[in-house]
């Protein structure tokens, strides 16, 4: 299993839309709106690297309202 955190920046005025869209993804077990350099932090659990890569490319990066993401993989 792979645990990853996603740091997301929302398009101006789209924070709620982006956060609600992210909450619909079953891979994400936690989605939080934040203050600071990033607007949303998400925690996801994946079977393997292929699942993680597919989620990033096919779901996360095309989520309505998201303009930029950064992925942090947990190593311990």
PDB file of N, CA and C in Angstrom:
ATOM      1  N   UNK A   1       0.839  -1.183   0.000  1.00  0.00           N
ATOM      2  CA  UNK A   1       0.000   0.000   0.000  1.00  0.00           C
ATOM      3  C   UNK A   1       0.884   1.246   0.000  1.00  0.00           C
ATOM      4  N   UNK A   2       0.434   2.253  -0.702  1.00  0.00           N
ATOM      5  CA  UNK A   2       1.143   3.521  -0.774  1.00  0.00           C
ATOM      6  C   UNK A   2       0.226   4.608  -0.232  1.00  0.00           C
ATOM      7  N   UNK A   3       0.763   5.393   0.692  1.00  0.00           N
ATOM      8  CA  UNK A   3       0.050   6.560   1.208  1.00  0.00           C
ATOM      9  C   UNK A   3       0.683   7.795   0.599  1.00  0.00           C
ATOM     10  N   UNK A   4      -0.144   8.704   0.131  1.00  0.00           N
ATOM     11  CA  UNK A   4       0.358   9.943  -0.468  1.00  0.00           C
ATOM     12  C   UNK A   4      -0.507  11.111  -0.012  1.00  0.00           C
ATOM     13  N   UNK A   5       0.146  12.257   0.129  1.00  0.00           N
ATOM     14  CA  UNK A   5      -0.553  13.506   0.408  1.00  0.00           C
ATOM     15  C   UNK A   5      -0.477  14.369  -0.844  1.00  0.00           C
ATOM     16  N   UNK A   6      -1.561  15.051  -1.125  1.00  0.00           N
ATOM     17  CA  UNK A   6      -1.620  15.928  -2.289  1.00  0.00           C
ATOM     18  C   UNK A   6      -1.853  17.356  -1.808  1.00  0.00           C
ATOM     19  N   UNK A   7      -0.967  18.243  -2.192  1.00  0.00           N
ATOM     20  CA  UNK A   7      -1.082  19.659  -1.878  1.00  0.00           C
ATOM     21  C   UNK A   7      -1.636  20.319  -3.132  1.00  0.00           C
ATOM     22  N   UNK A   8      -2.780  20.952  -3.007  1.00  0.00           N
ATOM     23  CA  UNK A   8      -3.475  21.471  -4.182  1.00  0.00           C
ATOM     24  C   UNK A   8      -3.716  22.972  -4.080  1.00  0.00           C
ATOM     25  N   UNK A   9      -3.573  23.632  -5.201  1.00  0.00           N
ATOM     26  CA  UNK A   9      -3.937  25.041  -5.323  1.00  0.00           C
ATOM     27  C   UNK A   9      -5.196  25.109  -6.173  1.00  0.00           C
ATOM     28  N   UNK A  10      -6.163  25.874  -5.681  1.00  0.00           N
ATOM     29  CA  UNK A  10      -7.431  26.010  -6.396  1.00  0.00           C
ATOM     30  C   UNK A  10      -7.425  27.277  -7.244  1.00  0.00           C
ATOM     31  N   UNK A  11      -8.191  27.246  -8.315  1.00  0.00           N
ATOM     32  CA  UNK A  11      -8.390  28.449  -9.122  1.00  0.00           C
ATOM     33  C   UNK A  11      -9.173  29.458  -8.287  1.00  0.00           C
ATOM     34  N   UNK A  12      -8.943  30.719  -8.555  1.00  0.00           N
ATOM     35  CA  UNK A  12      -9.600  31.765  -7.789  1.00  0.00           C
ATOM     36  C   UNK A  12     -11.115  31.595  -7.826  1.00  0.00           C
ATOM     37  N   UNK A  13     -11.730  31.599  -6.640  1.00  0.00           N
ATOM     38  CA  UNK A  13     -13.176  31.456  -6.528  1.00  0.00           C
ATOM     39  C   UNK A  13     -13.691  30.031  -6.673  1.00  0.00           C
ATOM     40  N   UNK A  14     -12.805  29.048  -6.786  1.00  0.00           N
ATOM     41  CA  UNK A  14     -13.219  27.661  -7.031  1.00  0.00           C
ATOM     42  C   UNK A  14     -12.865  26.706  -5.886  1.00  0.00           C
ATOM     43  N   UNK A  15     -12.507  27.238  -4.726  1.00  0.00           N
ATOM     44  CA  UNK A  15     -12.066  26.385  -3.623  1.00  0.00           C
ATOM     45  C   UNK A  15     -13.120  25.357  -3.234  1.00  0.00           C
ATOM     46  N   UNK A  16     -14.338  25.778  -2.995  1.00  0.00           N
ATOM     47  CA  UNK A  16     -15.401  24.852  -2.570  1.00  0.00           C
ATOM     48  C   UNK A  16     -15.714  23.820  -3.651  1.00  0.00           C
ATOM     49  N   UNK A  17     -15.747  24.259  -4.896  1.00  0.00           N
ATOM     50  CA  UNK A  17     -16.007  23.341  -6.007  1.00  0.00           C
ATOM     51  C   UNK A  17     -14.917  22.282  -6.076  1.00  0.00           C
ATOM     52  N   UNK A  18     -13.657  22.718  -5.982  1.00  0.00           N
ATOM     53  CA  UNK A  18     -12.529  21.787  -6.048  1.00  0.00           C
ATOM     54  C   UNK A  18     -12.549  20.813  -4.876  1.00  0.00           C
ATOM     55  N   UNK A  19     -12.731  21.322  -3.667  1.00  0.00           N
ATOM     56  CA  UNK A  19     -12.737  20.460  -2.480  1.00  0.00           C
ATOM     57  C   UNK A  19     -13.868  19.442  -2.552  1.00  0.00           C
ATOM     58  N   UNK A  20     -15.048  19.866  -2.937  1.00  0.00           N
ATOM     59  CA  UNK A  20     -16.186  18.941  -3.037  1.00  0.00           C
ATOM     60  C   UNK A  20     -15.963  17.899  -4.128  1.00  0.00           C
ATOM     61  N   UNK A  21     -15.349  18.294  -5.231  1.00  0.00           N
ATOM     62  CA  UNK A  21     -15.048  17.336  -6.299  1.00  0.00           C
ATOM     63  C   UNK A  21     -14.040  16.296  -5.816  1.00  0.00           C
ATOM     64  N   UNK A  22     -13.038  16.745  -5.076  1.00  0.00           N
ATOM     65  CA  UNK A  22     -12.030  15.816  -4.556  1.00  0.00           C
ATOM     66  C   UNK A  22     -12.640  14.834  -3.563  1.00  0.00           C
ATOM     67  N   UNK A  23     -13.596  15.272  -2.782  1.00  0.00           N
ATOM     68  CA  UNK A  23     -14.239  14.394  -1.794  1.00  0.00           C
ATOM     69  C   UNK A  23     -14.996  13.235  -2.447  1.00  0.00           C
ATOM     70  N   UNK A  24     -15.299  13.345  -3.718  1.00  0.00           N
ATOM     71  CA  UNK A  24     -16.009  12.282  -4.430  1.00  0.00           C
ATOM     72  C   UNK A  24     -15.103  11.118  -4.825  1.00  0.00           C
ATOM     73  N   UNK A  25     -13.780  11.311  -4.776  1.00  0.00           N
ATOM     74  CA  UNK A  25     -12.846  10.255  -5.178  1.00  0.00           C
ATOM     75  C   UNK A  25     -12.659   9.263  -4.035  1.00  0.00           C
ATOM     76  N   UNK A  26     -12.948   8.007  -4.291  1.00  0.00           N
ATOM     77  CA  UNK A  26     -12.857   6.979  -3.254  1.00  0.00           C
ATOM     78  C   UNK A  26     -11.420   6.742  -2.779  1.00  0.00           C
ATOM     79  N   UNK A  27     -10.438   7.096  -3.586  1.00  0.00           N
ATOM     80  CA  UNK A  27      -9.039   6.912  -3.203  1.00  0.00           C
ATOM     81  C   UNK A  27      -8.608   7.855  -2.078  1.00  0.00           C
ATOM     82  N   UNK A  28      -9.320   8.959  -1.939  1.00  0.00           N
ATOM     83  CA  UNK A  28      -8.963   9.960  -0.933  1.00  0.00           C
ATOM     84  C   UNK A  28      -9.751   9.709   0.348  1.00  0.00           C
ATOM     85  N   UNK A  29      -9.021   9.525   1.434  1.00  0.00           N
ATOM     86  CA  UNK A  29      -9.707   9.286   2.701  1.00  0.00           C
ATOM     87  C   UNK A  29      -9.849  10.560   3.518  1.00  0.00           C
ATOM     88  N   UNK A  30      -9.161  11.620   3.134  1.00  0.00           N
ATOM     89  CA  UNK A  30      -9.249  12.877   3.870  1.00  0.00           C
ATOM     90  C   UNK A  30      -8.995  14.044   2.914  1.00  0.00           C
ATOM     91  N   UNK A  31      -9.877  15.030   2.928  1.00  0.00           N
ATOM     92  CA  UNK A  31      -9.742  16.238   2.107  1.00  0.00           C
ATOM     93  C   UNK A  31     -10.006  17.434   3.012  1.00  0.00           C
ATOM     94  N   UNK A  32      -9.001  18.311   3.154  1.00  0.00           N
ATOM     95  CA  UNK A  32      -9.126  19.467   4.042  1.00  0.00           C
ATOM     96  C   UNK A  32      -8.779  20.757   3.323  1.00  0.00           C
ATOM     97  N   UNK A  33      -9.607  21.770   3.526  1.00  0.00           N
ATOM     98  CA  UNK A  33      -9.300  23.109   3.023  1.00  0.00           C
ATOM     99  C   UNK A  33      -8.344  23.754   4.022  1.00  0.00           C
ATOM    100  N   UNK A  34      -7.334  24.467   3.517  1.00  0.00           N
ATOM    101  CA  UNK A  34      -6.295  25.021   4.378  1.00  0.00           C
ATOM    102  C   UNK A  34      -6.007  26.479   4.045  1.00  0.00           C
ATOM    103  N   UNK A  35      -5.272  27.118   4.936  1.00  0.00           N
ATOM    104  CA  UNK A  35      -4.749  28.461   4.704  1.00  0.00           C
ATOM    105  C   UNK A  35      -3.256  28.335   4.455  1.00  0.00           C
ATOM    106  N   UNK A  36      -2.688  29.234   3.669  1.00  0.00           N
ATOM    107  CA  UNK A  36      -1.254  29.189   3.405  1.00  0.00           C
ATOM    108  C   UNK A  36      -0.975  29.049   1.924  1.00  0.00           C
ATOM    109  N   UNK A  37       0.134  28.413   1.595  1.00  0.00           N
ATOM    110  CA  UNK A  37       0.560  28.288   0.199  1.00  0.00           C
ATOM    111  C   UNK A  37      -0.335  27.360  -0.616  1.00  0.00           C
ATOM    112  N   UNK A  38      -1.020  26.448   0.053  1.00  0.00           N
ATOM    113  CA  UNK A  38      -1.910  25.511  -0.630  1.00  0.00           C
ATOM    114  C   UNK A  38      -3.320  25.693  -0.097  1.00  0.00           C
ATOM    115  N   UNK A  39      -4.299  25.429  -0.935  1.00  0.00           N
ATOM    116  CA  UNK A  39      -5.698  25.611  -0.572  1.00  0.00           C
ATOM    117  C   UNK A  39      -6.347  24.346  -0.022  1.00  0.00           C
ATOM    118  N   UNK A  40      -5.837  23.189  -0.471  1.00  0.00           N
ATOM    119  CA  UNK A  40      -6.425  21.903  -0.091  1.00  0.00           C
ATOM    120  C   UNK A  40      -5.299  20.904   0.138  1.00  0.00           C
ATOM    121  N   UNK A  41      -5.429  20.106   1.195  1.00  0.00           N
ATOM    122  CA  UNK A  41      -4.520  18.985   1.432  1.00  0.00           C
ATOM    123  C   UNK A  41      -5.367  17.725   1.493  1.00  0.00           C
ATOM    124  N   UNK A  42      -4.944  16.700   0.730  1.00  0.00           N
ATOM    125  CA  UNK A  42      -5.676  15.435   0.669  1.00  0.00           C
ATOM    126  C   UNK A  42      -4.749  14.288   1.032  1.00  0.00           C
ATOM    127  N   UNK A  43      -5.332  13.259   1.621  1.00  0.00           N
ATOM    128  CA  UNK A  43      -4.583  12.030   1.904  1.00  0.00           C
ATOM    129  C   UNK A  43      -5.230  10.901   1.128  1.00  0.00           C
ATOM    130  N   UNK A  44      -4.400  10.161   0.399  1.00  0.00           N
ATOM    131  CA  UNK A  44      -4.904   9.041  -0.383  1.00  0.00           C
ATOM    132  C   UNK A  44      -4.146   7.761  -0.110  1.00  0.00           C
ATOM    133  N   UNK A  45      -4.819   6.643  -0.302  1.00  0.00           N
ATOM    134  CA  UNK A  45      -4.241   5.312  -0.135  1.00  0.00           C
ATOM    135  C   UNK A  45      -4.369   4.574  -1.465  1.00  0.00           C
ATOM    136  N   UNK A  46      -3.260   3.966  -1.913  1.00  0.00           N
ATOM    137  CA  UNK A  46      -3.220   3.320  -3.224  1.00  0.00           C
ATOM    138  C   UNK A  46      -2.576   1.950  -3.115  1.00  0.00           C
ATOM    139  N   UNK A  47      -3.019   1.034  -3.972  1.00  0.00           N
ATOM    140  CA  UNK A  47      -2.487  -0.325  -3.977  1.00  0.00           C
ATOM    141  C   UNK A  47      -1.016  -0.363  -4.379  1.00  0.00           C
ATOM    142  N   UNK A  48      -0.674   0.413  -5.414  1.00  0.00           N
ATOM    143  CA  UNK A  48       0.698   0.395  -5.924  1.00  0.00           C
ATOM    144  C   UNK A  48       0.963   1.677  -6.717  1.00  0.00           C
ATOM    145  N   UNK A  49       2.160   1.777  -7.269  1.00  0.00           N
ATOM    146  CA  UNK A  49       2.562   2.978  -8.009  1.00  0.00           C
ATOM    147  C   UNK A  49       1.704   3.195  -9.250  1.00  0.00           C
ATOM    148  N   UNK A  50       1.276   2.131  -9.888  1.00  0.00           N
ATOM    149  CA  UNK A  50       0.424   2.271 -11.075  1.00  0.00           C
ATOM    150  C   UNK A  50      -0.907   2.923 -10.714  1.00  0.00           C
ATOM    151  N   UNK A  51      -1.482   2.517  -9.583  1.00  0.00           N
ATOM    152  CA  UNK A  51      -2.743   3.122  -9.134  1.00  0.00           C
ATOM    153  C   UNK A  51      -2.547   4.587  -8.771  1.00  0.00           C
ATOM    154  N   UNK A  52      -1.438   4.894  -8.106  1.00  0.00           N
ATOM    155  CA  UNK A  52      -1.137   6.282  -7.744  1.00  0.00           C
ATOM    156  C   UNK A  52      -0.982   7.136  -8.996  1.00  0.00           C
ATOM    157  N   UNK A  53      -0.207   6.648  -9.940  1.00  0.00           N
ATOM    158  CA  UNK A  53       0.021   7.385 -11.184  1.00  0.00           C
ATOM    159  C   UNK A  53      -1.291   7.603 -11.947  1.00  0.00           C
ATOM    160  N   UNK A  54      -2.106   6.579 -12.030  1.00  0.00           N
ATOM    161  CA  UNK A  54      -3.393   6.689 -12.732  1.00  0.00           C
ATOM    162  C   UNK A  54      -4.293   7.708 -12.050  1.00  0.00           C
ATOM    163  N   UNK A  55      -4.313   7.710 -10.714  1.00  0.00           N
ATOM    164  CA  UNK A  55      -5.136   8.673  -9.988  1.00  0.00           C
ATOM    165  C   UNK A  55      -4.686  10.101 -10.279  1.00  0.00           C
ATOM    166  N   UNK A  56      -3.390  10.331 -10.221  1.00  0.00           N
ATOM    167  CA  UNK A  56      -2.864  11.684 -10.467  1.00  0.00           C
ATOM    168  C   UNK A  56      -3.215  12.150 -11.876  1.00  0.00           C
ATOM    169  N   UNK A  57      -2.960  11.319 -12.854  1.00  0.00           N
ATOM    170  CA  UNK A  57      -3.154  11.707 -14.253  1.00  0.00           C
ATOM    171  C   UNK A  57      -4.624  11.773 -14.666  1.00  0.00           C
ATOM    172  N   UNK A  58      -5.415  10.827 -14.209  1.00  0.00           N
ATOM    173  CA  UNK A  58      -6.786  10.686 -14.712  1.00  0.00           C
ATOM    174  C   UNK A  58      -7.868  11.287 -13.819  1.00  0.00           C
ATOM    175  N   UNK A  59      -7.504  11.663 -12.609  1.00  0.00           N
ATOM    176  CA  UNK A  59      -8.507  12.216 -11.698  1.00  0.00           C
ATOM    177  C   UNK A  59      -8.048  13.535 -11.075  1.00  0.00           C
ATOM    178  N   UNK A  60      -6.939  13.488 -10.344  1.00  0.00           N
ATOM    179  CA  UNK A  60      -6.516  14.660  -9.582  1.00  0.00           C
ATOM    180  C   UNK A  60      -6.258  15.875 -10.467  1.00  0.00           C
ATOM    181  N   UNK A  61      -5.440  15.717 -11.478  1.00  0.00           N
ATOM    182  CA  UNK A  61      -5.026  16.853 -12.297  1.00  0.00           C
ATOM    183  C   UNK A  61      -6.134  17.419 -13.176  1.00  0.00           C
ATOM    184  N   UNK A  62      -7.205  16.671 -13.351  1.00  0.00           N
ATOM    185  CA  UNK A  62      -8.311  17.188 -14.170  1.00  0.00           C
ATOM    186  C   UNK A  62      -9.534  17.552 -13.334  1.00  0.00           C
ATOM    187  N   UNK A  63      -9.380  17.553 -12.006  1.00  0.00           N
ATOM    188  CA  UNK A  63     -10.484  17.918 -11.120  1.00  0.00           C
ATOM    189  C   UNK A  63     -10.860  19.373 -11.333  1.00  0.00           C
ATOM    190  N   UNK A  64     -12.140  19.625 -11.478  1.00  0.00           N
ATOM    191  CA  UNK A  64     -12.646  20.977 -11.685  1.00  0.00           C
ATOM    192  C   UNK A  64     -12.200  21.896 -10.551  1.00  0.00           C
ATOM    193  N   UNK A  65     -11.581  23.013 -10.903  1.00  0.00           N
ATOM    194  CA  UNK A  65     -11.170  24.006  -9.922  1.00  0.00           C
ATOM    195  C   UNK A  65      -9.738  23.890  -9.444  1.00  0.00           C
ATOM    196  N   UNK A  66      -9.061  22.807  -9.783  1.00  0.00           N
ATOM    197  CA  UNK A  66      -7.662  22.632  -9.378  1.00  0.00           C
ATOM    198  C   UNK A  66      -6.750  23.223 -10.443  1.00  0.00           C
ATOM    199  N   UNK A  67      -5.795  24.066 -10.017  1.00  0.00           N
ATOM    200  CA  UNK A  67      -4.867  24.637 -10.987  1.00  0.00           C
ATOM    201  C   UNK A  67      -3.451  24.088 -10.858  1.00  0.00           C
ATOM    202  N   UNK A  68      -3.089  23.550  -9.679  1.00  0.00           N
ATOM    203  CA  UNK A  68      -1.732  23.041  -9.487  1.00  0.00           C
ATOM    204  C   UNK A  68      -1.738  22.041  -8.343  1.00  0.00           C
ATOM    205  N   UNK A  69      -0.891  21.008  -8.444  1.00  0.00           N
ATOM    206  CA  UNK A  69      -0.788  20.017  -7.381  1.00  0.00           C
ATOM    207  C   UNK A  69       0.665  19.659  -7.118  1.00  0.00           C
ATOM    208  N   UNK A  70       0.912  19.177  -5.922  1.00  0.00           N
ATOM    209  CA  UNK A  70       2.199  18.614  -5.552  1.00  0.00           C
ATOM    210  C   UNK A  70       1.913  17.338  -4.780  1.00  0.00           C
ATOM    211  N   UNK A  71       2.663  16.280  -5.062  1.00  0.00           N
ATOM    212  CA  UNK A  71       2.440  14.985  -4.424  1.00  0.00           C
ATOM    213  C   UNK A  71       3.580  14.657  -3.483  1.00  0.00           C
ATOM    214  N   UNK A  72       3.228  14.225  -2.267  1.00  0.00           N
ATOM    215  CA  UNK A  72       4.196  13.799  -1.265  1.00  0.00           C
ATOM    216  C   UNK A  72       3.887  12.363  -0.917  1.00  0.00           C
ATOM    217  N   UNK A  73       4.860  11.465  -1.133  1.00  0.00           N
ATOM    218  CA  UNK A  73       4.665  10.053  -0.805  1.00  0.00           C
ATOM    219  C   UNK A  73       5.226   9.782   0.589  1.00  0.00           C
ATOM    220  N   UNK A  74       4.479   9.033   1.376  1.00  0.00           N
ATOM    221  CA  UNK A  74       4.916   8.655   2.715  1.00  0.00           C
ATOM    222  C   UNK A  74       5.888   7.509   2.590  1.00  0.00           C
ATOM    223  N   UNK A  75       7.028   7.577   3.305  1.00  0.00           N
ATOM    224  CA  UNK A  75       8.049   6.538   3.193  1.00  0.00           C
ATOM    225  C   UNK A  75       8.166   5.670   4.456  1.00  0.00           C
ATOM    226  N   UNK A  76       7.397   5.969   5.454  1.00  0.00           N
ATOM    227  CA  UNK A  76       7.527   5.170   6.679  1.00  0.00           C
ATOM    228  C   UNK A  76       6.222   4.884   7.330  1.00  0.00           C
TER     229      UNK A  76
END
